């Protein structure tokens, strides 16, 4: 179960390692959709998926989607998604610092 349920997440990570961000985006969207639908699996991931991660799979998927947006030069989509992540997960450091970076670079470009 540990490998089959988060398979989209794992495939997305593999695609990122290969720098295939468009493919990774699709996998992470599948993962986010899955864990949005089955929130109980994510909530009890330490038992159901044997994952001790502080960050839930849905949160990870959303961060990875935003990261892929940055890599594919879609900064506005990334910015919007990072803002959404911070509304749902206010303590998410990845979204906080990534959003600050996007804002800093966009301010310098203007």
C-alpha atoms as a PDB file:
ATOM      1  CA  UNK A   1       0.000   0.000   0.000  1.00  0.00           C
ATOM      2  CA  UNK A   2       2.924   2.318   0.762  1.00  0.00           C
ATOM      3  CA  UNK A   3       4.026   2.223  -2.895  1.00  0.00           C
ATOM      4  CA  UNK A   4       0.736   1.864  -4.770  1.00  0.00           C
ATOM      5  CA  UNK A   5      -1.334   4.677  -3.272  1.00  0.00           C
ATOM      6  CA  UNK A   6       1.217   7.492  -3.657  1.00  0.00           C
ATOM      7  CA  UNK A   7       2.339   6.151  -7.059  1.00  0.00           C
ATOM      8  CA  UNK A   8       1.501   9.412  -8.856  1.00  0.00           C
ATOM      9  CA  UNK A   9       3.603  11.280  -6.303  1.00  0.00           C
ATOM     10  CA  UNK A  10       6.512   8.880  -6.809  1.00  0.00           C
ATOM     11  CA  UNK A  11       6.255   9.152 -10.608  1.00  0.00           C
ATOM     12  CA  UNK A  12       6.195  12.941 -10.301  1.00  0.00           C
ATOM     13  CA  UNK A  13       9.370  12.901  -8.210  1.00  0.00           C
ATOM     14  CA  UNK A  14      11.045  10.673 -10.788  1.00  0.00           C
ATOM     15  CA  UNK A  15      10.035  13.088 -13.575  1.00  0.00           C
ATOM     16  CA  UNK A  16      11.451  16.042 -11.600  1.00  0.00           C
ATOM     17  CA  UNK A  17      14.776  14.222 -11.226  1.00  0.00           C
ATOM     18  CA  UNK A  18      14.788  13.846 -15.008  1.00  0.00           C
ATOM     19  CA  UNK A  19      13.903  17.570 -15.349  1.00  0.00           C
ATOM     20  CA  UNK A  20      10.665  16.653 -17.135  1.00  0.00           C
ATOM     21  CA  UNK A  21       8.562  19.240 -15.341  1.00  0.00           C
ATOM     22  CA  UNK A  22       5.521  19.085 -17.632  1.00  0.00           C
ATOM     23  CA  UNK A  23       5.158  15.338 -17.047  1.00  0.00           C
ATOM     24  CA  UNK A  24       5.747  15.828 -13.324  1.00  0.00           C
ATOM     25  CA  UNK A  25       2.986  18.438 -13.248  1.00  0.00           C
ATOM     26  CA  UNK A  26       0.441  15.895 -14.461  1.00  0.00           C
ATOM     27  CA  UNK A  27       1.475  13.324 -11.892  1.00  0.00           C
ATOM     28  CA  UNK A  28       1.366  15.812  -9.022  1.00  0.00           C
ATOM     29  CA  UNK A  29      -2.077  17.012 -10.116  1.00  0.00           C
ATOM     30  CA  UNK A  30      -3.263  13.373 -10.013  1.00  0.00           C
ATOM     31  CA  UNK A  31      -1.757  12.995  -6.551  1.00  0.00           C
ATOM     32  CA  UNK A  32      -3.367  16.200  -5.258  1.00  0.00           C
ATOM     33  CA  UNK A  33      -6.737  15.141  -6.674  1.00  0.00           C
ATOM     34  CA  UNK A  34      -6.441  11.677  -5.122  1.00  0.00           C
ATOM     35  CA  UNK A  35      -5.564  12.954  -1.658  1.00  0.00           C
ATOM     36  CA  UNK A  36      -8.237  15.652  -1.893  1.00  0.00           C
ATOM     37  CA  UNK A  37     -10.772  12.910  -2.510  1.00  0.00           C
ATOM     38  CA  UNK A  38      -9.379  10.538   0.136  1.00  0.00           C
ATOM     39  CA  UNK A  39      -8.382  12.955   2.877  1.00  0.00           C
ATOM     40  CA  UNK A  40      -8.629  10.238   5.528  1.00  0.00           C
ATOM     41  CA  UNK A  41      -5.763   8.327   3.891  1.00  0.00           C
ATOM     42  CA  UNK A  42      -3.585  11.400   4.060  1.00  0.00           C
ATOM     43  CA  UNK A  43      -4.697  12.317   7.571  1.00  0.00           C
ATOM     44  CA  UNK A  44      -3.750   8.863   8.875  1.00  0.00           C
ATOM     45  CA  UNK A  45      -0.732   8.429   6.578  1.00  0.00           C
ATOM     46  CA  UNK A  46       1.468   7.232   9.415  1.00  0.00           C
ATOM     47  CA  UNK A  47      -0.768   4.151   9.664  1.00  0.00           C
ATOM     48  CA  UNK A  48      -2.101   3.765   6.123  1.00  0.00           C
ATOM     49  CA  UNK A  49       1.062   4.663   4.193  1.00  0.00           C
ATOM     50  CA  UNK A  50       3.708   4.243   6.906  1.00  0.00           C
ATOM     51  CA  UNK A  51       4.758   7.839   6.319  1.00  0.00           C
ATOM     52  CA  UNK A  52       6.082   9.869   9.231  1.00  0.00           C
ATOM     53  CA  UNK A  53       6.291  13.029   7.128  1.00  0.00           C
ATOM     54  CA  UNK A  54       5.050  16.183   8.834  1.00  0.00           C
ATOM     55  CA  UNK A  55       3.727  17.419   5.491  1.00  0.00           C
ATOM     56  CA  UNK A  56       0.733  15.560   4.076  1.00  0.00           C
ATOM     57  CA  UNK A  57       0.792  14.186   0.530  1.00  0.00           C
ATOM     58  CA  UNK A  58      -1.723  16.749  -0.710  1.00  0.00           C
ATOM     59  CA  UNK A  59       0.373  19.610   0.636  1.00  0.00           C
ATOM     60  CA  UNK A  60       3.500  18.099  -0.935  1.00  0.00           C
ATOM     61  CA  UNK A  61       1.708  17.668  -4.260  1.00  0.00           C
ATOM     62  CA  UNK A  62       0.558  21.301  -4.279  1.00  0.00           C
ATOM     63  CA  UNK A  63       4.084  22.535  -3.500  1.00  0.00           C
ATOM     64  CA  UNK A  64       5.495  20.345  -6.247  1.00  0.00           C
ATOM     65  CA  UNK A  65       2.915  21.620  -8.737  1.00  0.00           C
ATOM     66  CA  UNK A  66       3.890  25.205  -7.906  1.00  0.00           C
ATOM     67  CA  UNK A  67       7.579  24.278  -8.237  1.00  0.00           C
ATOM     68  CA  UNK A  68       6.901  22.795 -11.685  1.00  0.00           C
ATOM     69  CA  UNK A  69       5.088  25.990 -12.666  1.00  0.00           C
ATOM     70  CA  UNK A  70       8.198  27.978 -11.760  1.00  0.00           C
ATOM     71  CA  UNK A  71      10.379  25.611 -13.773  1.00  0.00           C
ATOM     72  CA  UNK A  72       8.094  25.901 -16.814  1.00  0.00           C
ATOM     73  CA  UNK A  73       8.156  29.719 -16.615  1.00  0.00           C
ATOM     74  CA  UNK A  74       4.583  30.036 -15.326  1.00  0.00           C
ATOM     75  CA  UNK A  75       5.400  32.252 -12.351  1.00  0.00           C
ATOM     76  CA  UNK A  76       1.898  33.713 -12.016  1.00  0.00           C
ATOM     77  CA  UNK A  77       0.355  30.259 -11.688  1.00  0.00           C
ATOM     78  CA  UNK A  78       3.027  29.355  -9.143  1.00  0.00           C
ATOM     79  CA  UNK A  79       2.405  32.554  -7.181  1.00  0.00           C
ATOM     80  CA  UNK A  80      -1.353  31.941  -7.083  1.00  0.00           C
ATOM     81  CA  UNK A  81      -0.858  28.350  -5.964  1.00  0.00           C
ATOM     82  CA  UNK A  82       1.690  29.265  -3.276  1.00  0.00           C
ATOM     83  CA  UNK A  83      -0.815  31.808  -1.938  1.00  0.00           C
ATOM     84  CA  UNK A  84      -3.505  29.094  -1.861  1.00  0.00           C
ATOM     85  CA  UNK A  85      -1.128  26.720  -0.067  1.00  0.00           C
ATOM     86  CA  UNK A  86      -0.443  29.338   2.603  1.00  0.00           C
ATOM     87  CA  UNK A  87      -4.176  29.819   3.160  1.00  0.00           C
ATOM     88  CA  UNK A  88      -4.660  26.085   3.703  1.00  0.00           C
ATOM     89  CA  UNK A  89      -1.307  25.377   5.368  1.00  0.00           C
ATOM     90  CA  UNK A  90      -0.144  28.636   7.003  1.00  0.00           C
ATOM     91  CA  UNK A  91       3.042  27.074   8.410  1.00  0.00           C
ATOM     92  CA  UNK A  92       4.319  25.862   5.031  1.00  0.00           C
ATOM     93  CA  UNK A  93       7.848  27.224   4.786  1.00  0.00           C
ATOM     94  CA  UNK A  94       8.326  26.073   1.198  1.00  0.00           C
ATOM     95  CA  UNK A  95       5.377  28.140  -0.011  1.00  0.00           C
ATOM     96  CA  UNK A  96       6.348  31.115   2.155  1.00  0.00           C
ATOM     97  CA  UNK A  97       9.941  31.349   0.934  1.00  0.00           C
ATOM     98  CA  UNK A  98       9.094  30.476  -2.667  1.00  0.00           C
ATOM     99  CA  UNK A  99       6.422  33.164  -2.775  1.00  0.00           C
ATOM    100  CA  UNK A 100       8.891  35.686  -1.356  1.00  0.00           C
ATOM    101  CA  UNK A 101      11.388  34.738  -4.068  1.00  0.00           C
ATOM    102  CA  UNK A 102       8.814  35.132  -6.825  1.00  0.00           C
ATOM    103  CA  UNK A 103       7.742  38.501  -5.442  1.00  0.00           C
ATOM    104  CA  UNK A 104      11.342  39.671  -5.119  1.00  0.00           C
ATOM    105  CA  UNK A 105      12.223  38.713  -8.678  1.00  0.00           C
ATOM    106  CA  UNK A 106       9.025  40.158 -10.131  1.00  0.00           C
ATOM    107  CA  UNK A 107       9.636  43.441  -8.256  1.00  0.00           C
ATOM    108  CA  UNK A 108      13.159  43.632  -9.706  1.00  0.00           C
ATOM    109  CA  UNK A 109      11.852  42.939 -13.208  1.00  0.00           C
ATOM    110  CA  UNK A 110       9.399  45.865 -13.023  1.00  0.00           C
END
